[in-house]
Amino acid sequence: MSNESHEFLGWSLANLEETIPYSVALVGDREPTLDEIRRGSGLESLALECLAQNAVRKNANDNRGA
């Protein structure tokens, strides 16, 4: 079992003694289907908007103590 766990994606990406989040178990290494690609492409603008909002919020928090 130990040998198989070392082939796990989370294990190979983690640093020594780093805690691997349980959610990493849901990450696969197969190619996405065409439906998944279409769905992801449809969500791209929402993802970019959320990232931009998060960046603004982070910058505001970073500048709060200045």
PDB file of N, CA and C in Angstrom:
ATOM      1  N   MET A   1       0.828  -1.186   0.000  1.00  0.00           N
ATOM      2  CA  MET A   1       0.000   0.000   0.000  1.00  0.00           C
ATOM      3  C   MET A   1       0.878   1.258   0.000  1.00  0.00           C
ATOM      4  N   SER A   2       1.942   1.232   0.746  1.00  0.00           N
ATOM      5  CA  SER A   2       2.835   2.383   0.801  1.00  0.00           C
ATOM      6  C   SER A   2       3.402   2.700  -0.575  1.00  0.00           C
ATOM      7  N   ASN A   3       3.821   1.675  -1.306  1.00  0.00           N
ATOM      8  CA  ASN A   3       4.364   1.907  -2.654  1.00  0.00           C
ATOM      9  C   ASN A   3       3.323   2.530  -3.574  1.00  0.00           C
ATOM     10  N   GLU A   4       2.077   2.054  -3.504  1.00  0.00           N
ATOM     11  CA  GLU A   4       1.027   2.620  -4.346  1.00  0.00           C
ATOM     12  C   GLU A   4       0.709   4.055  -3.962  1.00  0.00           C
ATOM     13  N   SER A   5       0.769   4.373  -2.684  1.00  0.00           N
ATOM     14  CA  SER A   5       0.475   5.750  -2.270  1.00  0.00           C
ATOM     15  C   SER A   5       1.508   6.721  -2.818  1.00  0.00           C
ATOM     16  N   HIS A   6       2.717   6.255  -3.047  1.00  0.00           N
ATOM     17  CA  HIS A   6       3.761   7.133  -3.577  1.00  0.00           C
ATOM     18  C   HIS A   6       3.538   7.471  -5.041  1.00  0.00           C
ATOM     19  N   GLU A   7       2.665   6.731  -5.714  1.00  0.00           N
ATOM     20  CA  GLU A   7       2.310   7.046  -7.098  1.00  0.00           C
ATOM     21  C   GLU A   7       1.145   8.026  -7.166  1.00  0.00           C
ATOM     22  N   PHE A   8       0.551   8.319  -6.035  1.00  0.00           N
ATOM     23  CA  PHE A   8      -0.591   9.228  -5.933  1.00  0.00           C
ATOM     24  C   PHE A   8      -0.142  10.652  -6.243  1.00  0.00           C
ATOM     25  N   LEU A   9      -0.949  11.367  -7.025  1.00  0.00           N
ATOM     26  CA  LEU A   9      -0.614  12.719  -7.465  1.00  0.00           C
ATOM     27  C   LEU A   9      -0.289  13.646  -6.289  1.00  0.00           C
ATOM     28  N   GLY A  10      -1.102  13.611  -5.248  1.00  0.00           N
ATOM     29  CA  GLY A  10      -0.866  14.469  -4.082  1.00  0.00           C
ATOM     30  C   GLY A  10       0.484  14.214  -3.441  1.00  0.00           C
ATOM     31  N   TRP A  11       0.879  12.961  -3.373  1.00  0.00           N
ATOM     32  CA  TRP A  11       2.163  12.600  -2.775  1.00  0.00           C
ATOM     33  C   TRP A  11       3.316  13.160  -3.607  1.00  0.00           C
ATOM     34  N   SER A  12       3.208  13.027  -4.922  1.00  0.00           N
ATOM     35  CA  SER A  12       4.313  13.457  -5.779  1.00  0.00           C
ATOM     36  C   SER A  12       4.462  14.972  -5.828  1.00  0.00           C
ATOM     37  N   LEU A  13       3.395  15.706  -5.539  1.00  0.00           N
ATOM     38  CA  LEU A  13       3.456  17.171  -5.594  1.00  0.00           C
ATOM     39  C   LEU A  13       3.738  17.815  -4.241  1.00  0.00           C
ATOM     40  N   ALA A  14       3.602  17.046  -3.162  1.00  0.00           N
ATOM     41  CA  ALA A  14       3.773  17.611  -1.818  1.00  0.00           C
ATOM     42  C   ALA A  14       5.249  17.705  -1.444  1.00  0.00           C
ATOM     43  N   ASN A  15       5.552  18.693  -0.637  1.00  0.00           N
ATOM     44  CA  ASN A  15       6.889  18.811  -0.067  1.00  0.00           C
ATOM     45  C   ASN A  15       7.021  17.844   1.101  1.00  0.00           C
ATOM     46  N   LEU A  16       8.233  17.537   1.491  1.00  0.00           N
ATOM     47  CA  LEU A  16       8.500  16.637   2.606  1.00  0.00           C
ATOM     48  C   LEU A  16       7.775  17.115   3.861  1.00  0.00           C
ATOM     49  N   GLU A  17       7.023  16.228   4.493  1.00  0.00           N
ATOM     50  CA  GLU A  17       6.266  16.470   5.721  1.00  0.00           C
ATOM     51  C   GLU A  17       5.107  17.458   5.554  1.00  0.00           C
ATOM     52  N   GLU A  18       4.771  17.810   4.321  1.00  0.00           N
ATOM     53  CA  GLU A  18       3.630  18.688   4.072  1.00  0.00           C
ATOM     54  C   GLU A  18       2.341  17.888   4.190  1.00  0.00           C
ATOM     55  N   THR A  19       1.314  18.473   4.783  1.00  0.00           N
ATOM     56  CA  THR A  19       0.017  17.824   4.867  1.00  0.00           C
ATOM     57  C   THR A  19      -0.659  17.887   3.501  1.00  0.00           C
ATOM     58  N   ILE A  20      -1.132  16.745   3.033  1.00  0.00           N
ATOM     59  CA  ILE A  20      -1.820  16.675   1.746  1.00  0.00           C
ATOM     60  C   ILE A  20      -3.314  16.792   2.023  1.00  0.00           C
ATOM     61  N   PRO A  21      -3.985  17.829   1.511  1.00  0.00           N
ATOM     62  CA  PRO A  21      -5.416  18.003   1.773  1.00  0.00           C
ATOM     63  C   PRO A  21      -6.232  16.826   1.227  1.00  0.00           C
ATOM     64  N   TYR A  22      -7.278  16.441   1.948  1.00  0.00           N
ATOM     65  CA  TYR A  22      -8.142  15.351   1.497  1.00  0.00           C
ATOM     66  C   TYR A  22      -8.722  15.619   0.120  1.00  0.00           C
ATOM     67  N   SER A  23      -8.992  16.882  -0.198  1.00  0.00           N
ATOM     68  CA  SER A  23      -9.615  17.212  -1.482  1.00  0.00           C
ATOM     69  C   SER A  23      -8.745  16.826  -2.668  1.00  0.00           C
ATOM     70  N   VAL A  24      -7.446  16.646  -2.456  1.00  0.00           N
ATOM     71  CA  VAL A  24      -6.555  16.247  -3.542  1.00  0.00           C
ATOM     72  C   VAL A  24      -6.927  14.852  -4.045  1.00  0.00           C
ATOM     73  N   ALA A  25      -7.585  14.059  -3.217  1.00  0.00           N
ATOM     74  CA  ALA A  25      -8.002  12.716  -3.631  1.00  0.00           C
ATOM     75  C   ALA A  25      -8.978  12.781  -4.807  1.00  0.00           C
ATOM     76  N   LEU A  26      -9.631  13.916  -4.996  1.00  0.00           N
ATOM     77  CA  LEU A  26     -10.597  14.070  -6.077  1.00  0.00           C
ATOM     78  C   LEU A  26      -9.945  14.481  -7.391  1.00  0.00           C
ATOM     79  N   VAL A  27      -8.651  14.783  -7.370  1.00  0.00           N
ATOM     80  CA  VAL A  27      -7.941  15.220  -8.566  1.00  0.00           C
ATOM     81  C   VAL A  27      -7.462  13.994  -9.328  1.00  0.00           C
ATOM     82  N   GLY A  28      -7.777  13.955 -10.604  1.00  0.00           N
ATOM     83  CA  GLY A  28      -7.357  12.838 -11.438  1.00  0.00           C
ATOM     84  C   GLY A  28      -6.299  13.262 -12.432  1.00  0.00           C
ATOM     85  N   ASP A  29      -5.783  12.287 -13.160  1.00  0.00           N
ATOM     86  CA  ASP A  29      -4.763  12.614 -14.149  1.00  0.00           C
ATOM     87  C   ASP A  29      -5.179  12.182 -15.554  1.00  0.00           C
ATOM     88  N   ARG A  30      -6.471  11.907 -15.748  1.00  0.00           N
ATOM     89  CA  ARG A  30      -6.955  11.534 -17.071  1.00  0.00           C
ATOM     90  C   ARG A  30      -7.234  12.794 -17.885  1.00  0.00           C
ATOM     91  N   GLU A  31      -7.292  12.648 -19.182  1.00  0.00           N
ATOM     92  CA  GLU A  31      -7.636  13.761 -20.063  1.00  0.00           C
ATOM     93  C   GLU A  31      -9.119  14.096 -19.893  1.00  0.00           C
ATOM     94  N   PRO A  32      -9.483  15.372 -19.915  1.00  0.00           N
ATOM     95  CA  PRO A  32     -10.901  15.732 -19.784  1.00  0.00           C
ATOM     96  C   PRO A  32     -11.690  15.336 -21.035  1.00  0.00           C
ATOM     97  N   THR A  33     -12.972  15.069 -20.836  1.00  0.00           N
ATOM     98  CA  THR A  33     -13.848  14.766 -21.970  1.00  0.00           C
ATOM     99  C   THR A  33     -14.192  16.071 -22.693  1.00  0.00           C
ATOM    100  N   LEU A  34     -14.738  15.951 -23.888  1.00  0.00           N
ATOM    101  CA  LEU A  34     -15.149  17.149 -24.638  1.00  0.00           C
ATOM    102  C   LEU A  34     -16.217  17.922 -23.868  1.00  0.00           C
ATOM    103  N   ASP A  35     -17.145  17.214 -23.215  1.00  0.00           N
ATOM    104  CA  ASP A  35     -18.165  17.897 -22.408  1.00  0.00           C
ATOM    105  C   ASP A  35     -17.538  18.675 -21.257  1.00  0.00           C
ATOM    106  N   GLU A  36     -16.532  18.090 -20.621  1.00  0.00           N
ATOM    107  CA  GLU A  36     -15.852  18.783 -19.515  1.00  0.00           C
ATOM    108  C   GLU A  36     -15.101  20.013 -20.025  1.00  0.00           C
ATOM    109  N   ILE A  37     -14.504  19.906 -21.179  1.00  0.00           N
ATOM    110  CA  ILE A  37     -13.793  21.048 -21.776  1.00  0.00           C
ATOM    111  C   ILE A  37     -14.783  22.170 -22.100  1.00  0.00           C
ATOM    112  N   ARG A  38     -15.922  21.811 -22.678  1.00  0.00           N
ATOM    113  CA  ARG A  38     -16.948  22.820 -22.986  1.00  0.00           C
ATOM    114  C   ARG A  38     -17.447  23.493 -21.708  1.00  0.00           C
ATOM    115  N   ARG A  39     -17.702  22.685 -20.687  1.00  0.00           N
ATOM    116  CA  ARG A  39     -18.195  23.224 -19.406  1.00  0.00           C
ATOM    117  C   ARG A  39     -17.156  24.165 -18.797  1.00  0.00           C
ATOM    118  N   GLY A  40     -15.904  23.746 -18.817  1.00  0.00           N
ATOM    119  CA  GLY A  40     -14.836  24.590 -18.282  1.00  0.00           C
ATOM    120  C   GLY A  40     -14.684  25.883 -19.053  1.00  0.00           C
ATOM    121  N   SER A  41     -14.778  25.790 -20.377  1.00  0.00           N
ATOM    122  CA  SER A  41     -14.683  26.994 -21.209  1.00  0.00           C
ATOM    123  C   SER A  41     -15.828  27.954 -20.914  1.00  0.00           C
ATOM    124  N   GLY A  42     -17.008  27.389 -20.645  1.00  0.00           N
ATOM    125  CA  GLY A  42     -18.160  28.219 -20.309  1.00  0.00           C
ATOM    126  C   GLY A  42     -18.016  28.904 -18.960  1.00  0.00           C
ATOM    127  N   LEU A  43     -17.221  28.318 -18.081  1.00  0.00           N
ATOM    128  CA  LEU A  43     -17.021  28.892 -16.742  1.00  0.00           C
ATOM    129  C   LEU A  43     -15.795  29.801 -16.661  1.00  0.00           C
ATOM    130  N   GLU A  44     -15.038  29.878 -17.748  1.00  0.00           N
ATOM    131  CA  GLU A  44     -13.795  30.646 -17.720  1.00  0.00           C
ATOM    132  C   GLU A  44     -14.012  32.107 -17.332  1.00  0.00           C
ATOM    133  N   SER A  45     -15.003  32.770 -17.901  1.00  0.00           N
ATOM    134  CA  SER A  45     -15.211  34.190 -17.596  1.00  0.00           C
ATOM    135  C   SER A  45     -15.594  34.374 -16.127  1.00  0.00           C
ATOM    136  N   LEU A  46     -16.392  33.458 -15.574  1.00  0.00           N
ATOM    137  CA  LEU A  46     -16.742  33.530 -14.155  1.00  0.00           C
ATOM    138  C   LEU A  46     -15.507  33.343 -13.281  1.00  0.00           C
ATOM    139  N   ALA A  47     -14.663  32.382 -13.650  1.00  0.00           N
ATOM    140  CA  ALA A  47     -13.436  32.139 -12.891  1.00  0.00           C
ATOM    141  C   ALA A  47     -12.521  33.358 -12.911  1.00  0.00           C
ATOM    142  N   LEU A  48     -12.372  33.978 -14.075  1.00  0.00           N
ATOM    143  CA  LEU A  48     -11.520  35.169 -14.183  1.00  0.00           C
ATOM    144  C   LEU A  48     -12.071  36.324 -13.351  1.00  0.00           C
ATOM    145  N   GLU A  49     -13.392  36.477 -13.357  1.00  0.00           N
ATOM    146  CA  GLU A  49     -14.032  37.515 -12.549  1.00  0.00           C
ATOM    147  C   GLU A  49     -13.785  37.277 -11.065  1.00  0.00           C
ATOM    148  N   CYS A  50     -13.927  36.027 -10.629  1.00  0.00           N
ATOM    149  CA  CYS A  50     -13.697  35.701  -9.213  1.00  0.00           C
ATOM    150  C   CYS A  50     -12.243  35.932  -8.823  1.00  0.00           C
ATOM    151  N   LEU A  51     -11.316  35.551  -9.695  1.00  0.00           N
ATOM    152  CA  LEU A  51      -9.900  35.778  -9.413  1.00  0.00           C
ATOM    153  C   LEU A  51      -9.590  37.267  -9.304  1.00  0.00           C
ATOM    154  N   ALA A  52     -10.183  38.066 -10.187  1.00  0.00           N
ATOM    155  CA  ALA A  52      -9.961  39.516 -10.153  1.00  0.00           C
ATOM    156  C   ALA A  52     -10.511  40.110  -8.862  1.00  0.00           C
ATOM    157  N   GLN A  53     -11.703  39.680  -8.455  1.00  0.00           N
ATOM    158  CA  GLN A  53     -12.293  40.185  -7.212  1.00  0.00           C
ATOM    159  C   GLN A  53     -11.441  39.795  -6.013  1.00  0.00           C
ATOM    160  N   ASN A  54     -10.930  38.570  -6.023  1.00  0.00           N
ATOM    161  CA  ASN A  54     -10.092  38.119  -4.923  1.00  0.00           C
ATOM    162  C   ASN A  54      -8.788  38.917  -4.861  1.00  0.00           C
ATOM    163  N   ALA A  55      -8.220  39.237  -6.022  1.00  0.00           N
ATOM    164  CA  ALA A  55      -6.987  40.020  -6.067  1.00  0.00           C
ATOM    165  C   ALA A  55      -7.222  41.416  -5.504  1.00  0.00           C
ATOM    166  N   VAL A  56      -8.344  42.027  -5.846  1.00  0.00           N
ATOM    167  CA  VAL A  56      -8.672  43.355  -5.326  1.00  0.00           C
ATOM    168  C   VAL A  56      -8.819  43.292  -3.808  1.00  0.00           C
ATOM    169  N   ARG A  57      -9.533  42.279  -3.325  1.00  0.00           N
ATOM    170  CA  ARG A  57      -9.744  42.116  -1.879  1.00  0.00           C
ATOM    171  C   ARG A  57      -8.412  41.878  -1.160  1.00  0.00           C
ATOM    172  N   LYS A  58      -7.535  41.040  -1.753  1.00  0.00           N
ATOM    173  CA  LYS A  58      -6.231  40.760  -1.148  1.00  0.00           C
ATOM    174  C   LYS A  58      -5.389  42.029  -1.093  1.00  0.00           C
ATOM    175  N   ASN A  59      -5.377  42.798  -2.180  1.00  0.00           N
ATOM    176  CA  ASN A  59      -4.601  44.040  -2.208  1.00  0.00           C
ATOM    177  C   ASN A  59      -5.132  45.032  -1.175  1.00  0.00           C
ATOM    178  N   ALA A  60      -6.431  45.091  -1.012  1.00  0.00           N
ATOM    179  CA  ALA A  60      -7.017  45.984  -0.017  1.00  0.00           C
ATOM    180  C   ALA A  60      -6.594  45.572   1.385  1.00  0.00           C
ATOM    181  N   ASN A  61      -6.584  44.275   1.638  1.00  0.00           N
ATOM    182  CA  ASN A  61      -6.163  43.762   2.950  1.00  0.00           C
ATOM    183  C   ASN A  61      -4.669  43.976   3.172  1.00  0.00           C
ATOM    184  N   ASP A  62      -3.862  43.805   2.132  1.00  0.00           N
ATOM    185  CA  ASP A  62      -2.422  44.004   2.240  1.00  0.00           C
ATOM    186  C   ASP A  62      -2.067  45.460   2.532  1.00  0.00           C
ATOM    187  N   ASN A  63      -2.853  46.398   1.981  1.00  0.00           N
ATOM    188  CA  ASN A  63      -2.590  47.822   2.144  1.00  0.00           C
ATOM    189  C   ASN A  63      -3.228  48.406   3.404  1.00  0.00           C
ATOM    190  N   ARG A  64      -4.005  47.605   4.095  1.00  0.00           N
ATOM    191  CA  ARG A  64      -4.714  48.096   5.280  1.00  0.00           C
ATOM    192  C   ARG A  64      -3.741  48.558   6.367  1.00  0.00           C
ATOM    193  N   GLY A  65      -2.621  47.843   6.526  1.00  0.00           N
ATOM    194  CA  GLY A  65      -1.675  48.198   7.579  1.00  0.00           C
ATOM    195  C   GLY A  65      -0.656  49.241   7.174  1.00  0.00           C
ATOM    196  N   ALA A  66      -0.677  49.666   5.923  1.00  0.00           N
ATOM    197  CA  ALA A  66       0.343  50.617   5.427  1.00  0.00           C
ATOM    198  C   ALA A  66       0.017  52.029   5.815  1.00  0.00           C
TER     199      ALA A  66
END
